[in-house]
Protein backbone atom coordinates (compact mmCIF):
# COMPACT_ATOMS: atom_id res chain seq x y z
CA MET A 1 13.20 -46.44 5.27
CA LYS A 2 13.31 -45.37 8.88
CA LYS A 3 10.47 -42.91 8.50
CA VAL A 4 10.95 -39.85 6.32
CA PHE A 5 12.07 -38.05 9.43
CA ARG A 6 15.52 -39.46 10.15
CA PRO A 7 17.00 -37.62 13.13
CA TYR A 8 20.58 -36.51 12.83
CA TYR A 9 21.57 -37.13 16.43
CA LEU A 10 25.26 -36.41 16.16
CA SER A 11 26.14 -32.75 16.30
CA VAL A 12 29.09 -31.49 14.28
CA ALA A 13 31.37 -31.63 17.30
CA PHE A 14 30.03 -35.07 18.20
CA ALA A 15 30.70 -36.42 14.71
CA LEU A 16 34.16 -34.90 14.57
CA ALA A 17 35.06 -36.53 17.85
CA LEU A 18 34.09 -39.89 16.45
CA ALA A 19 36.19 -39.36 13.36
CA SER A 20 39.31 -38.07 15.01
CA CYS A 21 40.81 -37.15 18.34
CA GLY A 22 42.93 -34.46 16.67
CA PRO A 23 42.04 -30.78 16.24
CA ALA A 24 39.02 -30.07 14.05
CA LYS A 25 39.59 -28.44 10.67
CA ILE A 26 37.31 -25.59 9.63
CA ILE A 27 36.43 -25.95 5.97
CA PRO A 28 35.02 -22.77 4.42
CA THR A 29 31.95 -22.94 2.23
CA PRO A 30 33.11 -22.85 -1.41
CA VAL A 31 32.14 -19.67 -3.20
CA GLU A 32 32.41 -20.84 -6.77
CA ASN A 33 29.30 -21.36 -8.88
CA ILE A 34 26.84 -19.62 -6.61
CA ASP A 35 24.52 -16.75 -7.44
CA LYS A 36 25.90 -13.22 -7.35
CA MET A 37 24.03 -12.29 -4.17
CA PRO A 38 26.46 -11.71 -1.28
CA LEU A 39 26.73 -14.57 1.17
CA LYS A 40 25.91 -14.28 4.84
CA THR A 41 29.19 -15.47 6.34
CA ALA A 42 28.38 -14.72 9.98
CA PRO A 43 26.27 -17.28 11.88
CA LEU A 44 22.61 -16.44 12.31
CA LYS A 45 21.73 -15.00 15.69
CA GLU A 46 19.51 -17.26 17.79
CA LYS A 47 16.44 -15.07 17.32
CA ASP A 48 16.90 -15.23 13.54
CA LEU A 49 17.73 -18.93 13.46
CA LYS A 50 14.46 -19.68 15.26
CA ARG A 51 12.54 -18.12 12.38
CA TRP A 52 14.93 -18.35 9.45
CA SER A 53 12.31 -20.12 7.36
CA HIS A 54 10.20 -16.93 7.58
CA LEU A 55 13.01 -14.62 6.45
CA ASP A 56 13.66 -13.21 3.00
CA LEU A 57 16.44 -14.24 0.62
CA VAL A 58 17.13 -10.74 -0.67
CA LYS A 59 16.90 -8.93 2.65
CA ASP A 60 18.41 -11.54 4.94
CA THR A 61 20.50 -13.63 2.50
CA VAL A 62 19.05 -16.88 3.84
CA PRO A 63 16.74 -19.00 1.68
CA GLY A 64 13.58 -18.42 3.70
CA MET A 65 10.03 -18.19 2.39
CA SER A 66 9.49 -14.42 2.91
CA VAL A 67 6.64 -15.12 5.34
CA ASP A 68 7.36 -12.12 7.56
CA LYS A 69 7.45 -9.90 4.49
CA ALA A 70 4.08 -11.27 3.36
CA TYR A 71 2.45 -10.46 6.70
CA ALA A 72 3.99 -7.00 6.86
CA GLU A 73 3.24 -5.90 3.31
CA LEU A 74 0.39 -8.00 1.94
CA LEU A 75 -1.78 -9.30 4.79
CA LYS A 76 -1.81 -6.38 7.20
CA GLY A 77 -5.42 -5.48 7.98
CA LYS A 78 -6.81 -8.44 6.00
CA LYS A 79 -8.87 -11.19 7.54
CA GLY A 80 -8.85 -14.63 6.02
CA GLN A 81 -11.08 -17.60 6.72
CA LYS A 82 -10.17 -20.66 8.76
CA VAL A 83 -8.62 -23.57 6.86
CA ILE A 84 -8.53 -27.09 8.29
CA VAL A 85 -5.11 -28.71 7.86
CA GLY A 86 -4.92 -32.45 8.36
CA ILE A 87 -1.67 -33.57 10.01
CA VAL A 88 -1.27 -37.26 9.19
CA ASP A 89 1.59 -38.12 11.49
CA SER A 90 2.74 -39.67 14.77
CA GLY A 91 0.19 -37.81 16.89
CA VAL A 92 -0.17 -34.19 18.01
CA ASP A 93 -0.02 -32.80 21.54
CA ILE A 94 -3.33 -30.95 21.29
CA ASN A 95 -2.83 -29.55 24.81
CA HIS A 96 0.41 -27.74 23.95
CA GLU A 97 0.39 -24.09 25.05
CA ASP A 98 1.23 -22.88 21.55
CA LEU A 99 -1.18 -25.19 19.71
CA LYS A 100 -4.31 -25.68 21.80
CA ALA A 101 -5.87 -22.48 20.42
CA VAL A 102 -5.57 -23.75 16.83
CA ILE A 103 -6.74 -27.35 17.23
CA TRP A 104 -9.74 -28.38 15.11
CA THR A 105 -12.84 -29.47 17.00
CA ASN A 106 -15.43 -31.60 15.27
CA PRO A 107 -18.62 -29.49 15.43
CA LYS A 108 -20.82 -32.51 14.78
CA GLU A 109 -19.54 -34.66 17.65
CA ILE A 110 -20.44 -34.49 21.35
CA ALA A 111 -17.42 -35.15 23.52
CA GLY A 112 -17.42 -38.10 25.87
CA ASN A 113 -20.84 -39.59 25.15
CA ASN A 114 -19.39 -42.70 23.50
CA ILE A 115 -21.71 -42.19 20.51
CA ASP A 116 -20.83 -41.66 16.87
CA ASP A 117 -22.95 -38.48 16.70
CA ASP A 118 -21.98 -37.52 13.15
CA LYS A 119 -22.18 -41.14 11.98
CA ASN A 120 -18.81 -40.97 10.23
CA GLY A 121 -17.70 -44.31 11.67
CA TYR A 122 -15.51 -42.83 14.42
CA VAL A 123 -16.82 -42.54 17.97
CA ASP A 124 -16.03 -39.28 19.80
CA ASP A 125 -13.55 -38.09 17.17
CA ILE A 126 -13.41 -34.64 18.70
CA HIS A 127 -10.03 -33.50 17.36
CA GLY A 128 -9.27 -36.20 14.81
CA TRP A 129 -8.60 -39.95 14.92
CA ASN A 130 -5.86 -42.30 16.07
CA PHE A 131 -5.52 -45.16 13.56
CA LEU A 132 -2.77 -46.78 15.63
CA GLY A 133 -4.70 -47.22 18.85
CA ASP A 134 -2.19 -47.96 21.61
CA ALA A 135 0.53 -49.13 19.22
CA VAL A 136 3.80 -47.19 19.29
CA HIS A 137 6.64 -49.21 17.74
CA GLU A 138 6.50 -50.92 14.37
CA GLN A 139 8.63 -52.78 11.87
CA LEU A 140 9.89 -51.30 8.64
CA GLU A 141 7.89 -52.32 5.58
CA LEU A 142 10.82 -54.36 4.29
CA THR A 143 10.89 -56.26 7.60
CA ARG A 144 7.18 -57.03 7.29
CA ILE A 145 7.73 -58.36 3.77
CA VAL A 146 10.57 -60.61 4.89
CA LYS A 147 8.43 -61.84 7.80
CA LYS A 148 5.77 -63.00 5.32
CA GLY A 149 8.30 -65.24 3.61
CA PRO A 150 9.49 -66.01 0.07
CA SER A 151 6.00 -65.92 -1.42
CA ALA A 152 5.61 -62.21 -0.60
CA PRO A 153 6.08 -59.74 -3.48
CA ASP A 154 9.54 -58.09 -3.46
CA TYR A 155 10.78 -60.66 -0.94
CA GLU A 156 14.31 -61.01 -2.34
CA LYS A 157 14.75 -57.27 -2.68
CA ALA A 158 13.41 -56.70 0.84
CA LYS A 159 15.60 -59.45 2.29
CA ALA A 160 18.73 -57.95 0.76
CA ALA A 161 17.74 -54.49 2.02
CA LEU A 162 17.06 -55.82 5.52
CA GLU A 163 20.43 -57.53 5.69
CA LYS A 164 22.14 -54.30 4.62
CA GLU A 165 20.18 -52.25 7.18
CA ILE A 166 21.21 -54.62 9.97
CA GLN A 167 24.84 -54.58 8.82
CA ASP A 168 24.89 -50.78 8.64
CA LEU A 169 23.30 -50.54 12.06
CA GLN A 170 26.12 -52.54 13.59
CA GLY A 171 28.44 -49.65 12.76
CA ASN A 172 26.12 -47.26 14.59
CA LYS A 173 25.97 -49.61 17.55
CA GLN A 174 29.75 -49.83 17.69
CA GLN A 175 29.96 -46.03 17.68
CA LEU A 176 27.34 -45.82 20.42
CA ASP A 177 29.11 -48.41 22.57
CA PHE A 178 32.43 -46.62 22.05
CA ILE A 179 30.96 -43.28 23.17
CA LEU A 180 29.17 -44.76 26.17
CA LYS A 181 32.33 -46.59 27.26
CA ALA A 182 34.34 -43.36 27.01
CA GLU A 183 31.70 -41.48 29.00
CA LYS A 184 31.77 -44.14 31.72
CA THR A 185 35.56 -43.92 31.82
CA ILE A 186 35.39 -40.17 32.45
CA LYS A 187 32.66 -40.57 35.07
CA ASP A 188 34.63 -43.26 36.90
CA HIS A 189 37.83 -41.23 36.79
CA LEU A 190 36.17 -38.05 38.07
CA LYS A 191 33.84 -39.99 40.39
CA LYS A 192 30.84 -37.92 39.24
CA ASP A 193 28.07 -38.31 36.65
CA SER A 194 28.20 -34.81 35.22
CA PHE A 195 31.32 -32.97 34.14
CA THR A 196 32.47 -29.87 32.29
CA LEU A 197 34.98 -29.25 29.52
CA GLU A 198 37.37 -27.69 32.03
CA GLU A 199 37.21 -30.76 34.26
CA VAL A 200 37.94 -33.03 31.31
CA LYS A 201 40.89 -30.90 30.18
CA ALA A 202 42.32 -31.02 33.69
CA ILE A 203 42.45 -34.83 33.77
CA GLN A 204 45.95 -36.23 34.26
CA SER A 205 46.41 -39.95 33.67
CA ASP A 206 48.76 -42.43 32.04
CA ASP A 207 45.91 -44.88 31.46
CA THR A 208 45.36 -45.31 27.69
CA ASN A 209 41.58 -45.61 28.04
CA VAL A 210 41.39 -42.45 30.13
CA LYS A 211 43.56 -40.53 27.67
CA GLN A 212 41.39 -41.64 24.73
CA ALA A 213 38.20 -40.74 26.59
CA LYS A 214 39.69 -37.36 27.53
CA ALA A 215 40.57 -36.61 23.90
CA MET A 216 37.08 -37.58 22.74
CA PHE A 217 35.20 -35.52 25.31
CA THR A 218 37.51 -32.55 24.93
CA GLN A 219 36.46 -32.56 21.29
CA ILE A 220 32.78 -33.13 22.01
CA LEU A 221 32.43 -30.55 24.78
CA SER A 222 34.34 -27.95 22.75
CA GLY A 223 31.38 -27.86 20.40
CA THR A 224 28.38 -28.68 22.56
CA SER A 225 27.29 -28.61 26.19
CA LYS A 226 27.16 -31.71 28.35
CA ALA A 227 23.39 -31.25 28.62
CA ASP A 228 23.03 -31.25 24.84
CA PHE A 229 25.36 -34.24 24.60
CA ASP A 230 23.24 -36.13 27.13
CA LYS A 231 20.14 -35.46 25.06
CA GLU A 232 21.80 -36.46 21.80
CA ILE A 233 23.21 -39.67 23.20
CA VAL A 234 19.80 -40.69 24.57
CA ASP A 235 18.24 -40.02 21.18
CA PHE A 236 21.03 -41.91 19.43
CA LYS A 237 20.60 -44.85 21.81
CA ASP A 238 16.83 -44.84 21.27
CA TYR A 239 17.41 -44.83 17.52
CA VAL A 240 19.89 -47.72 17.52
CA TYR A 241 17.93 -49.95 19.86
CA GLY A 242 14.63 -48.97 18.30
CA GLN A 243 15.98 -50.33 15.05
CA LEU A 244 17.30 -53.51 16.60
CA ASP A 245 14.33 -54.23 18.85
CA TYR A 246 11.47 -53.15 16.60
CA ASN A 247 12.11 -51.79 13.11
CA LEU A 248 14.41 -54.54 11.85
CA ASN A 249 13.22 -57.37 14.10
CA VAL A 250 11.21 -59.91 12.06
CA ASN A 251 9.85 -61.46 15.27
CA PHE A 252 8.35 -58.23 16.60
CA ASP A 253 4.58 -57.73 16.26
CA GLY A 254 3.63 -54.13 16.87
CA ARG A 255 0.23 -54.44 15.23
CA LYS A 256 -1.26 -57.06 17.53
CA ILE A 257 -2.38 -54.46 20.06
CA VAL A 258 -4.37 -52.61 17.37
CA GLY A 259 -6.57 -55.63 16.72
CA ASP A 260 -7.28 -55.19 13.01
CA ASN A 261 -6.07 -56.85 9.82
CA PRO A 262 -3.70 -54.34 8.17
CA ASP A 263 -4.00 -56.22 4.87
CA ASP A 264 -7.77 -55.66 4.72
CA ILE A 265 -8.77 -52.13 3.70
CA ASN A 266 -12.40 -52.90 4.58
CA ASP A 267 -11.56 -53.65 8.21
CA THR A 268 -12.08 -50.09 9.44
CA LYS A 269 -13.41 -50.48 12.99
CA TYR A 270 -10.21 -49.88 14.88
CA GLY A 271 -8.22 -47.14 16.61
CA ASN A 272 -9.44 -44.53 19.10
CA ASN A 273 -9.82 -40.79 19.59
CA ASN A 274 -6.60 -40.26 21.57
CA VAL A 275 -4.78 -38.26 18.90
CA ILE A 276 -1.76 -37.66 21.13
CA GLY A 277 -1.18 -41.40 21.46
CA PRO A 278 -0.39 -43.51 24.51
CA GLU A 279 3.07 -41.96 25.04
CA PRO A 280 3.19 -38.14 24.61
CA LYS A 281 6.91 -38.15 23.76
CA GLU A 282 6.16 -40.31 20.72
CA ALA A 283 3.99 -37.46 19.39
CA LYS A 284 7.11 -35.32 19.03
CA HIS A 285 7.27 -35.53 15.25
CA GLY A 286 3.61 -34.73 14.63
CA THR A 287 3.58 -31.96 17.23
CA HIS A 288 6.58 -30.32 15.58
CA VAL A 289 4.98 -30.60 12.14
CA ALA A 290 1.74 -29.07 13.44
CA GLY A 291 3.67 -26.21 15.02
CA ILE A 292 5.47 -25.37 11.79
CA VAL A 293 2.10 -24.93 10.12
CA ALA A 294 0.17 -23.14 12.82
CA GLN A 295 1.85 -22.45 16.19
CA VAL A 296 0.31 -19.15 17.30
CA ARG A 297 1.99 -16.15 15.72
CA GLY A 298 3.23 -13.24 17.81
CA ASN A 299 2.48 -14.64 21.27
CA LYS A 300 6.15 -14.74 22.35
CA LEU A 301 5.97 -18.49 22.88
CA GLY A 302 8.35 -20.70 20.90
CA GLY A 303 8.27 -19.92 17.20
CA ASP A 304 5.57 -18.71 14.80
CA GLY A 305 3.49 -20.81 12.45
CA VAL A 306 3.37 -20.01 8.76
CA THR A 307 -0.37 -19.38 8.80
CA ASN A 308 -2.53 -17.54 11.31
CA ASN A 309 -5.77 -19.13 10.10
CA ALA A 310 -5.22 -22.88 10.30
CA LEU A 311 -7.15 -25.37 12.38
CA ILE A 312 -5.07 -28.47 13.02
CA MET A 313 -6.81 -31.82 12.57
CA ALA A 314 -4.72 -34.58 14.15
CA VAL A 315 -4.64 -37.93 12.35
CA ARG A 316 -2.34 -40.39 14.10
CA ALA A 317 -1.15 -42.95 11.54
CA VAL A 318 2.67 -42.97 11.65
CA PRO A 319 4.32 -45.21 14.27
CA ASN A 320 7.95 -45.47 15.32
CA GLY A 321 8.74 -47.45 12.20
CA ASP A 322 7.09 -47.59 8.80
CA GLU A 323 3.46 -46.65 8.44
CA TYR A 324 0.90 -49.11 7.07
CA ASP A 325 -0.62 -48.19 3.70
CA LYS A 326 -4.05 -48.91 5.12
CA ASP A 327 -3.69 -46.36 7.94
CA ILE A 328 -2.43 -43.69 5.54
CA ALA A 329 -5.22 -44.32 3.03
CA LEU A 330 -7.92 -44.23 5.69
CA GLY A 331 -6.25 -41.26 7.40
CA ILE A 332 -6.29 -39.22 4.18
CA ARG A 333 -9.92 -40.13 3.59
CA TYR A 334 -10.82 -39.21 7.17
CA ALA A 335 -9.21 -35.78 6.81
CA VAL A 336 -10.94 -35.18 3.48
CA ASP A 337 -14.36 -36.25 4.73
CA ASN A 338 -14.10 -34.05 7.80
CA GLY A 339 -13.26 -30.82 6.02
CA ALA A 340 -9.50 -30.59 5.61
CA LYS A 341 -8.48 -28.48 2.59
CA VAL A 342 -4.76 -29.18 3.02
CA ILE A 343 -3.20 -32.45 4.21
CA ASN A 344 0.42 -32.76 5.28
CA GLY A 345 2.20 -36.10 4.93
CA SER A 346 5.66 -36.05 6.53
CA PHE A 347 6.26 -39.78 6.19
CA GLY A 348 7.35 -42.35 3.65
CA LYS A 349 9.16 -45.56 2.84
CA TYR A 350 10.79 -47.40 -0.07
CA PHE A 351 8.67 -50.56 -0.04
CA SER A 352 4.88 -50.66 -0.23
CA GLN A 353 2.58 -53.67 -0.21
CA HIS A 354 -0.65 -51.78 -0.88
CA LYS A 355 0.33 -48.56 -2.64
CA GLU A 356 -2.91 -48.69 -4.65
CA TRP A 357 -4.89 -47.92 -1.49
CA VAL A 358 -2.92 -44.71 -0.97
CA ILE A 359 -3.16 -43.83 -4.66
CA ASP A 360 -6.94 -44.18 -4.47
CA ALA A 361 -7.05 -42.02 -1.32
CA ILE A 362 -5.00 -39.27 -3.00
CA LYS A 363 -7.30 -39.39 -6.01
CA TYR A 364 -10.26 -39.15 -3.63
CA ALA A 365 -8.68 -36.04 -2.09
CA GLU A 366 -8.23 -34.64 -5.59
CA SER A 367 -11.92 -35.21 -6.34
CA LYS A 368 -12.81 -33.25 -3.18
CA ASP A 369 -10.45 -30.34 -3.93
CA VAL A 370 -7.91 -31.14 -1.20
CA LEU A 371 -4.19 -30.41 -1.58
CA VAL A 372 -1.80 -33.09 -0.31
CA VAL A 373 1.74 -32.00 0.60
CA ILE A 374 4.32 -34.77 1.05
CA ALA A 375 7.92 -34.84 2.28
CA ALA A 376 10.42 -36.02 -0.33
CA GLY A 377 12.46 -38.16 2.10
CA ASN A 378 15.79 -38.00 3.89
CA GLU A 379 18.08 -40.55 2.29
CA SER A 380 19.81 -38.29 -0.28
CA TYR A 381 18.23 -40.39 -3.04
CA ASP A 382 17.43 -39.35 -6.59
CA LEU A 383 13.67 -39.97 -6.71
CA ASP A 384 13.80 -40.12 -10.49
CA VAL A 385 15.68 -43.39 -9.95
CA THR A 386 14.25 -44.69 -6.65
CA ASN A 387 10.54 -44.99 -5.86
CA LYS A 388 9.51 -43.43 -2.57
CA TYR A 389 6.03 -44.14 -1.20
CA PRO A 390 3.84 -42.18 -1.31
CA ASN A 391 4.44 -40.02 -4.34
CA ASP A 392 2.24 -38.92 -7.24
CA THR A 393 4.15 -40.98 -9.80
CA TYR A 394 6.08 -44.25 -9.83
CA ASP A 395 8.54 -45.82 -12.26
CA GLY A 396 8.69 -42.73 -14.45
CA GLN A 397 4.97 -42.78 -15.26
CA PRO A 398 2.86 -39.60 -15.62
CA GLU A 399 1.50 -38.12 -12.39
CA PHE A 400 -1.76 -39.83 -11.43
CA ALA A 401 -3.13 -36.77 -9.58
CA SER A 402 -2.91 -32.99 -9.86
CA ASN A 403 -3.23 -32.17 -6.15
CA VAL A 404 0.12 -33.36 -4.77
CA LEU A 405 3.28 -31.42 -3.91
CA ILE A 406 6.54 -33.28 -3.15
CA ILE A 407 8.90 -31.15 -1.06
CA GLY A 408 12.68 -31.22 -0.72
CA ALA A 409 14.53 -29.55 2.16
CA LEU A 410 16.73 -26.46 2.30
CA SER A 411 19.34 -25.55 4.88
CA PRO A 412 19.82 -21.94 6.04
CA ASN A 413 23.19 -21.82 4.25
CA TYR A 414 22.54 -19.94 1.03
CA GLY A 415 25.04 -21.10 -1.56
CA SER A 416 26.36 -24.41 -2.80
CA LYS A 417 25.20 -26.28 0.33
CA MET A 418 21.71 -24.82 0.22
CA ILE A 419 19.98 -28.16 -0.34
CA ALA A 420 20.08 -30.01 2.97
CA GLY A 421 22.55 -32.87 2.77
CA PHE A 422 19.93 -35.44 3.77
CA SER A 423 17.26 -34.33 1.29
CA ASN A 424 16.09 -36.50 -1.56
CA TYR A 425 16.02 -34.72 -4.90
CA GLY A 426 14.82 -35.28 -8.46
CA LYS A 427 14.22 -33.26 -11.60
CA ASN A 428 10.85 -34.97 -12.15
CA ASN A 429 9.85 -36.31 -8.75
CA VAL A 430 10.54 -33.43 -6.34
CA ASP A 431 8.37 -30.42 -7.06
CA ILE A 432 10.03 -27.64 -5.06
CA TYR A 433 12.22 -26.92 -2.04
CA ALA A 434 11.45 -25.28 1.30
CA PRO A 435 13.27 -24.78 4.62
CA GLY A 436 13.74 -28.10 6.42
CA ASP A 437 16.98 -27.91 8.39
CA LYS A 438 17.21 -26.42 11.91
CA ILE A 439 13.50 -25.65 12.16
CA TYR A 440 12.26 -24.48 15.56
CA ALA A 441 8.77 -25.53 16.60
CA THR A 442 6.55 -27.14 19.20
CA THR A 443 7.32 -30.48 20.82
CA PRO A 444 5.22 -32.33 23.44
CA LEU A 445 4.56 -31.10 26.98
CA ASN A 446 5.01 -27.39 26.24
CA THR A 447 8.54 -27.70 24.90
CA TYR A 448 10.20 -26.48 21.70
CA GLU A 449 13.07 -27.89 19.67
CA TYR A 450 15.06 -27.57 16.48
CA LEU A 451 14.42 -30.57 14.24
CA GLN A 452 15.41 -31.28 10.67
CA GLY A 453 14.21 -33.32 7.72
CA THR A 454 12.04 -33.01 4.66
CA SER A 455 9.40 -33.68 7.32
CA MET A 456 9.93 -30.07 8.37
CA ALA A 457 10.03 -28.70 4.81
CA SER A 458 6.67 -30.23 3.92
CA PRO A 459 4.62 -28.44 6.64
CA ASN A 460 6.31 -25.17 5.76
CA VAL A 461 4.73 -25.56 2.33
CA ALA A 462 1.45 -26.85 3.78
CA GLY A 463 1.39 -23.65 5.81
CA VAL A 464 1.85 -21.52 2.69
CA ALA A 465 -0.91 -23.51 0.97
CA ALA A 466 -3.23 -22.92 3.92
CA LEU A 467 -2.34 -19.23 3.83
CA ILE A 468 -3.36 -19.03 0.18
CA ARG A 469 -6.56 -20.98 0.74
CA SER A 470 -7.41 -18.77 3.72
CA TYR A 471 -7.18 -15.47 1.87
CA TYR A 472 -8.16 -16.73 -1.60
CA PRO A 473 -10.69 -19.52 -0.96
CA SER A 474 -11.97 -19.52 -4.54
CA LEU A 475 -8.72 -21.07 -5.77
CA THR A 476 -8.72 -24.84 -6.26
CA ALA A 477 -6.17 -27.28 -4.87
CA GLN A 478 -4.67 -27.68 -8.32
CA GLU A 479 -4.41 -23.89 -8.71
CA VAL A 480 -2.75 -23.56 -5.30
CA LYS A 481 -0.20 -26.20 -6.28
CA GLN A 482 0.61 -24.38 -9.50
CA ILE A 483 0.81 -21.02 -7.76
CA ILE A 484 3.32 -22.35 -5.22
CA MET A 485 5.47 -23.87 -7.96
CA GLU A 486 5.27 -20.95 -10.38
CA SER A 487 5.80 -18.22 -7.79
CA GLY A 488 8.85 -19.74 -6.13
CA THR A 489 12.21 -18.02 -6.33
CA SER A 490 14.19 -19.32 -9.29
CA LEU A 491 17.86 -20.02 -8.68
CA THR A 492 20.55 -21.23 -11.04
CA ASN A 493 23.48 -21.71 -8.67
CA THR A 494 25.37 -24.97 -8.48
CA VAL A 495 24.49 -27.07 -5.44
CA THR A 496 25.55 -30.42 -4.04
CA VAL A 497 23.07 -33.30 -3.76
CA GLY A 498 23.11 -37.02 -3.03
CA GLU A 499 25.23 -39.16 -0.76
CA ASP A 500 28.23 -38.50 -3.00
CA LYS A 501 27.65 -34.72 -2.84
CA HIS A 502 27.84 -34.33 -6.60
CA LYS A 503 27.16 -30.97 -8.18
CA VAL A 504 24.05 -30.03 -10.14
CA ASN A 505 22.47 -26.78 -11.20
CA PHE A 506 19.72 -25.96 -8.71
CA LYS A 507 17.13 -25.85 -11.48
CA GLU A 508 17.89 -29.53 -12.20
CA ALA A 509 17.23 -30.66 -8.61
CA SER A 510 13.44 -30.35 -8.82
CA LYS A 511 10.64 -29.96 -11.31
CA SER A 512 10.21 -26.24 -10.65
CA GLY A 513 13.87 -25.38 -10.01
CA LYS A 514 12.63 -23.04 -7.29
CA ILE A 515 12.32 -22.44 -3.57
CA VAL A 516 8.95 -21.65 -2.03
CA ASN A 517 8.17 -17.97 -1.50
CA ALA A 518 5.00 -17.05 0.40
CA TYR A 519 5.15 -13.39 -0.60
CA ASN A 520 5.30 -14.18 -4.31
CA ALA A 521 2.65 -16.88 -3.93
CA LEU A 522 0.17 -14.47 -2.38
CA LEU A 523 0.82 -11.90 -5.12
CA LEU A 524 0.16 -14.52 -7.80
CA ALA A 525 -2.88 -15.83 -5.92
CA GLU A 526 -4.32 -12.32 -5.93
CA LYS A 527 -3.98 -12.17 -9.72
CA ARG A 528 -5.41 -15.65 -10.28
CA ALA A 529 -8.34 -15.07 -7.95
CA LYS A 530 -9.38 -11.97 -9.89
CA LYS A 531 -9.58 -13.78 -13.21
């Protein structure tokens, strides 16, 4: 798995241009088998799209979490307590203008004295810990297994998966090369590096290559700006070559720079306190996740976080590639031991060499009353059939812990396409759904972006959990999990899931059959807290 967060670099116009040089067909959303509530057929305005996850299904006809309604009607005039939320991820830009006010500071550590003041094993861990040190790129877990050779567990399965990944990637590379060649053709013809839709349309040429390039970029620039195209193509190129050079390359060694033995859970003296990481842009994923939870509300910067009382603890443990089980296990334990009451895990993979270490860490979190919220994954898989690591159950066995929530992703399109096309699903192995497509939040160096993935759905739920724990601190992690699942909005419409887009009743796509609703959750928390 290429991290739970799999970026969808090609915009609709971009993808259409790849598929055809003819005019695009507009296919209306089918209206059969959806709930009786009227559909919002007009596109969301930008100001609403930026906060659609906070909107209300009944009022706004988008499947948001009713966060704005909760603040307006339930939390006005109330003061909750601070809740530490551990963000186990790729790093967090703790200096971001919309996050720096909500970053956790270790009260037992003196900054810069090079002493482990609190004797927790981590020197100068002021805002968290970086278990990756200066490492950035990493192999996929299946690549690491193949590298170990035929004696490694799951070798044959991993080898077959690696060969398929490489084969599939060749198609992406061909697409990338085709696009880049067409772009160069336009640049050479116009004798300029930047160009507009009008300039492309005005091209006159009998050259076949120029005509093909013109048709492609007429299609692309009809649906997106050249600036957005430039960004997408850079991201797409980074993705393709990141796979070839690092993720799927059996000869690459991304761990050497860290200096530990990743197969030894007792080798814990590694990493550093730079929770952003050596390259700020590589903290994009973790910074976005942190912002979804807690970017400052109402300050007219970027978007708003779900909770106004979170303190973000940054735990860097997810590289550009698959995370090591050891880093995740130690990262969870670090967050627990340093006061986190909610931990967000927007990561995952489909091979694991030491899953027992992560299982033990989750059980440890359970014993310390810490809720762990985990993204379901972005491969459109049925998790009742395919194991995804981590989860709270494998191979159809009973859940091994009561403090874990597995989150699928929603799109803003209420109706049959409400479950995001990339989202994993599962009647028994996905607990509930939350907004995860087109989510606007913080990115490094004081920027903001829309990103998508179950990676974005998970922190939306972690934010709701922190909100509950802030205003109703007597409730346990297990109670908060149950409240979120029980209080969600039940839907019975038919939706499409999986790579084949087959139809299921929404209630069959997760254990709860619901979408998260902060307003309802706070109402139920109030009742439970009074018992």
